[in-house]
Amino acid sequence: MSHGQKHYPNLFSPLDLGFTQLKNRALMGSMHTMLEEAHDGFNKLAAYFVERAKGGVGMIMTGGIAPNTEGSPFSGSAMMRNSNDVENHKIITEAVHQAAPDCKICMQILHNGRYAYHPDGVAPSAIKARISPFAPREMSTDDIERTLNEFAQCAALAKEAGYDGIEIIGSAGYLISEFLLEMTNQRTDEWGGSYENRMRFPVEIVKRIRAAVGSDFIVVYRIATMELLPEGSSWEEVVQLGKAIEQAGATIISTHFTWHEARVPTLATMVPRAAFTQVTGKLRKELSIPLITSNRINMPDVAEQVLADGDADIVSMARPMLADPELILKADQGREDEINTCIACNQACMDHAFSGQLVSCLVNPRACHETELNYLPTESAKRVAVVGAGPAGLAYATIAAQRGHNVTLYESSDRIGGQFNIAKRIPGKEEFTETLRYYAKQLELTGVTVKLKHKATQEELISESFDKIILATGIKPRTPDIDGIDHPKVISYLDALQDKKTVGKKVAIIGAGGIGFDAAEYLSHAGVSSGLSKEVFAKEWGIDFENHPRGGVAGIEPTVETNDREIQLLQRKTTAVGKTLGRTTGWTHRIMLQRRNVKMINGCDYRKIDDAGLHVTINGEERVLDVDSIVICAGQQPFRELYEGLQNQTCDVELVGGADVASELDAKRAIDQASKLAAVL
């Protein structure tokens, strides 16, 4: 019996589907990576999926593939329509089945409906989505009939291409789910009106696909279990649809939560682990086919608990497979402390996908770059000094050492992690602790010599005759030029977040970038972090898991615990406060601070600081903000204390991370740059 079977008996038990079986209960969920449209994309996708298949998952879902041109997300995106597409997809299926014959791979069929980013989008009714620039065309009955057949044809071609199954995405606000809700389906024919009519479209798709692919093919239907919209489905409708989909021939039902236009986070790091699985558990009691659950299940013990609680038959882990393709293998071998955990930051995955960039992963820059970024054994081992054990220094040191270089890591403080030690203190960012645990283990495994509480000097680095010196010394907070900046009321964000200096009741925060928002979150927070409590999360975002009103949220007012601080978050720019935050998470931070009564003010000119407070001009009007504390979050400068001296001594010295470019606290750039440099050393 393996470690995995002993410690995670549910996760590592096979699942019998009748005509086939899954070797375990771990699914790599669907993610569109943009490799689907990249040059040589199918070979790159094959390499990407092969690593995850070898990494131990029982089943893989591809990113969404459109059944026709109007259903594609943007012009020129991936479709499955003809024999040429079949040949391309065979590159993926043959590679996966050869690398891991016991791993199933299914193709997701995705029709974007009114979320299409092109003018040819269609929908049940011609109602524009808030998040799309184009209004869709209303589908005629002929369009509906043709689209049903194109779904069936797409599935049949997927089978021909060697896939073990398909997944129909009937959720998230895409075409199929648009038929289900009255707000997007205002038809008066047989495809609109009553719920029976509105659910005909998804049921008919499943029937036609099953007829087209035969009985020995996996058909997964992704159901909208909780749209997180007040106009969403009632619980009775979810159950009714689930039973009809089962009856129509689905092998498995996968539960999905949210529409893209909902104003409740489901994937951000402030969402607690396995936050939504109880809803899947409730639906599982109503159906007899297996159910998949998802969202924020990022470690094997979380997956095991979900299965042990009876909340699902299969656990979907999508982003965790970007972060660590070997997550399941490591769990099976008892190497849990080596798992590079998904911290749900969304910065290189979701933010990239929604802005048309190639997807990757903040903690694993190799994700989706498997054919070009590889950490191969070095042919000539070098003696390397890395100064600074923040994210950039840790990435460089561990990768260089893994490749066979002799690495010494210097850190002036008493712990590794740099700015991540601040990030992990922000309520809702507790997951950052996992990255530091991962790196601590990697330092041990790769044999890096770690010198903590050791401030490296120029003389020392020169006397050691290193072949390469990497300065990952990070940043220092920028001190703005304001009259009275030395006043006792003024503290830096490091004083507030790291040294926990006393901050008064009335606070002005100068600077509304990521750090300003983190400081406001930290200083306005009261009670338990939502990231650590499903109950707090549900209250803060107005979700009723018990009674399941429409969409899970109808009629529920969010309630947020506040402390008695009065906080003003100020920025010089006249643009909206928070505009520079991450595309898929920024809005959640803005909403949460508004609910905690943090005032966000743009167009501020800072004149002086004195006993009366902070003197500002706001949109031409002079004011004095009567505050006890002024927290400075006005950007950073690279910290390059050693650089010039070492260059003058003709040392081979290089800057990485914040020491190179200090733009906010950009761990994504720092880890990516350090990894790529260490890969070619």
Foldseek 3Di string as FASTA:
>chain_A
DFLLCVPQVLQQPWADLPLDIFRGQEEAEEAAQLLQQDDVSLLLLLLLVLLLLLLDGREYEYHEAELDQQQDQEPRGHHQDDPVSLQSLLSNQVSNCVSHVRHAYAYEHGRQALNRADAAHEACPQDHDPPHPYTYHHDDVVNLVVRLVSLLVSQLSRVVSNHQAYEYECDQNGHNVLLQFCVNHVDPDQSDDDNVSSNPSVLSSLLSNCVSNDQRGAYEYEAALFALDLRFDFNVSSLVSVASSVVSRHQEYEYDAHHLPHLADFQALLAAAPLQLQSQQVSPVSDDHFYEYETRPWASVSVSVSVVVSSGSHYHDHVSCLQPSNRVVCSRNVNRLQRRTQSSHCFQGVLQVVVVHRGHGLNGRCNSVVVPFDLAADPDAFEEEEEAQALLSLLQQLSLLQNPHAYEYEEQAQAHHPCLVLQCLQQSRVSSVSNRSNSVVSCVVSVYHYHYNGHDDLVNVVVVVGQEYEYAVAWDFDQDPAAACVPPQEDELCCCRPVVPDHDQEEEEEDQEPSLLSSLRNVWADDHRSRHDSVLSCQQSQADSPNRGRSRHNPGDRDGDTDRHAYEYEYQAPPDRQPPPRPSCSSVSVVSSVNSVHHYAYNWDFHHQDCQATWIQGPNRTDHRRGRHYYYRPFIAADCPNPVVNVVVVHNYYYAANNVPGDPRDSSRRSNVSSRVSSVD
